[in-house]
Amino acid sequence: MTVDQDAIPDDDRAPAHEVSTAALVGYAAAAVALVGWFLFGLLVQRQGFVDSFGESAGAGFALLLAVSVVGTVRSNRR
């Protein structure tokens, strides 16, 4: 048995929200900061690749958590 049509017609789909320029600039700044944090740990503090990567990955996950919490709070206000 095959289905030749979409489960949700094109007319009923919610429009995609565009990402603002400020959000894109913020994401780019966060990415540059995380790469800088990695390089600082690796080259200046000489703590090794794995430790530097783990530290910057942890900071990245903390930023993702903060963005998620802020997005949830903002969407619940509407």
C-alpha atoms as a PDB file:
ATOM      1  CA  MET A   1       0.000   0.000   0.000  1.00  0.00           C
ATOM      2  CA  THR A   2       1.422   3.376  -0.987  1.00  0.00           C
ATOM      3  CA  VAL A   3       0.384   6.922  -0.322  1.00  0.00           C
ATOM      4  CA  ASP A   4       0.751   9.343  -3.204  1.00  0.00           C
ATOM      5  CA  GLN A   5      -0.121  12.498  -1.328  1.00  0.00           C
ATOM      6  CA  ASP A   6       1.298  14.444   1.588  1.00  0.00           C
ATOM      7  CA  ALA A   7      -0.158  13.887   5.038  1.00  0.00           C
ATOM      8  CA  ILE A   8      -0.652  17.649   5.405  1.00  0.00           C
ATOM      9  CA  PRO A   9      -1.776  19.571   2.317  1.00  0.00           C
ATOM     10  CA  ASP A  10       0.327  22.575   1.312  1.00  0.00           C
ATOM     11  CA  ASP A  11      -2.560  24.910   2.159  1.00  0.00           C
ATOM     12  CA  ASP A  12      -2.695  23.840   5.831  1.00  0.00           C
ATOM     13  CA  ARG A  13       1.008  24.104   6.638  1.00  0.00           C
ATOM     14  CA  ALA A  14       2.041  26.857   9.007  1.00  0.00           C
ATOM     15  CA  PRO A  15       4.307  29.475   7.431  1.00  0.00           C
ATOM     16  CA  ALA A  16       7.960  29.190   8.397  1.00  0.00           C
ATOM     17  CA  HIS A  17       9.253  31.973  10.601  1.00  0.00           C
ATOM     18  CA  GLU A  18      12.257  33.829   9.251  1.00  0.00           C
ATOM     19  CA  VAL A  19      15.319  34.223  11.425  1.00  0.00           C
ATOM     20  CA  SER A  20      16.100  37.858  12.168  1.00  0.00           C
ATOM     21  CA  THR A  21      19.402  39.442  11.259  1.00  0.00           C
ATOM     22  CA  ALA A  22      20.142  40.084  14.934  1.00  0.00           C
ATOM     23  CA  ALA A  23      19.735  36.386  15.696  1.00  0.00           C
ATOM     24  CA  LEU A  24      22.088  35.429  12.866  1.00  0.00           C
ATOM     25  CA  VAL A  25      24.673  37.935  14.073  1.00  0.00           C
ATOM     26  CA  GLY A  26      24.318  36.540  17.603  1.00  0.00           C
ATOM     27  CA  TYR A  27      24.790  32.965  16.393  1.00  0.00           C
ATOM     28  CA  ALA A  28      27.857  33.965  14.384  1.00  0.00           C
ATOM     29  CA  ALA A  29      29.332  35.814  17.382  1.00  0.00           C
ATOM     30  CA  ALA A  30      28.721  32.784  19.601  1.00  0.00           C
ATOM     31  CA  ALA A  31      30.419  30.502  17.064  1.00  0.00           C
ATOM     32  CA  VAL A  32      33.442  32.808  16.832  1.00  0.00           C
ATOM     33  CA  ALA A  33      33.611  33.011  20.647  1.00  0.00           C
ATOM     34  CA  LEU A  34      33.513  29.214  20.972  1.00  0.00           C
ATOM     35  CA  VAL A  35      36.268  28.746  18.397  1.00  0.00           C
ATOM     36  CA  GLY A  36      38.290  31.440  20.164  1.00  0.00           C
ATOM     37  CA  TRP A  37      37.730  29.703  23.513  1.00  0.00           C
ATOM     38  CA  PHE A  38      38.937  26.428  21.991  1.00  0.00           C
ATOM     39  CA  LEU A  39      42.048  28.041  20.515  1.00  0.00           C
ATOM     40  CA  PHE A  40      42.773  29.916  23.749  1.00  0.00           C
ATOM     41  CA  GLY A  41      42.708  26.680  25.731  1.00  0.00           C
ATOM     42  CA  LEU A  42      44.722  24.806  23.146  1.00  0.00           C
ATOM     43  CA  LEU A  43      47.403  27.369  22.291  1.00  0.00           C
ATOM     44  CA  VAL A  44      47.667  29.679  25.302  1.00  0.00           C
ATOM     45  CA  GLN A  45      46.857  27.420  28.237  1.00  0.00           C
ATOM     46  CA  ARG A  46      48.337  24.332  26.522  1.00  0.00           C
ATOM     47  CA  GLN A  47      45.756  22.037  28.054  1.00  0.00           C
ATOM     48  CA  GLY A  48      45.513  19.604  25.126  1.00  0.00           C
ATOM     49  CA  PHE A  49      43.095  19.043  22.294  1.00  0.00           C
ATOM     50  CA  VAL A  50      40.563  16.896  24.140  1.00  0.00           C
ATOM     51  CA  ASP A  51      40.350  19.195  27.154  1.00  0.00           C
ATOM     52  CA  SER A  52      40.042  22.295  24.973  1.00  0.00           C
ATOM     53  CA  PHE A  53      37.394  20.681  22.806  1.00  0.00           C
ATOM     54  CA  GLY A  54      35.452  19.462  25.838  1.00  0.00           C
ATOM     55  CA  GLU A  55      35.541  22.876  27.452  1.00  0.00           C
ATOM     56  CA  SER A  56      34.332  24.673  24.325  1.00  0.00           C
ATOM     57  CA  ALA A  57      31.698  21.977  23.646  1.00  0.00           C
ATOM     58  CA  GLY A  58      30.402  22.359  27.200  1.00  0.00           C
ATOM     59  CA  ALA A  59      30.182  26.108  26.754  1.00  0.00           C
ATOM     60  CA  GLY A  60      28.366  25.576  23.457  1.00  0.00           C
ATOM     61  CA  PHE A  61      25.828  23.248  25.057  1.00  0.00           C
ATOM     62  CA  ALA A  62      25.285  25.768  27.844  1.00  0.00           C
ATOM     63  CA  LEU A  63      24.593  28.450  25.212  1.00  0.00           C
ATOM     64  CA  LEU A  64      22.162  26.134  23.439  1.00  0.00           C
ATOM     65  CA  LEU A  65      20.375  25.499  26.722  1.00  0.00           C
ATOM     66  CA  ALA A  66      20.127  29.238  27.393  1.00  0.00           C
ATOM     67  CA  VAL A  67      18.754  29.891  23.887  1.00  0.00           C
ATOM     68  CA  SER A  68      16.216  27.102  24.368  1.00  0.00           C
ATOM     69  CA  VAL A  69      15.013  28.475  27.704  1.00  0.00           C
ATOM     70  CA  VAL A  70      14.730  32.015  26.339  1.00  0.00           C
ATOM     71  CA  GLY A  71      12.842  30.755  23.274  1.00  0.00           C
ATOM     72  CA  THR A  72      10.439  28.788  25.455  1.00  0.00           C
ATOM     73  CA  VAL A  73       9.763  31.768  27.693  1.00  0.00           C
ATOM     74  CA  ARG A  74       9.197  34.033  24.691  1.00  0.00           C
ATOM     75  CA  SER A  75       6.839  31.600  22.969  1.00  0.00           C
ATOM     76  CA  ASN A  76       4.763  31.129  26.143  1.00  0.00           C
ATOM     77  CA  ARG A  77       4.184  34.885  26.428  1.00  0.00           C
ATOM     78  CA  ARG A  78       2.353  35.031  23.084  1.00  0.00           C
END
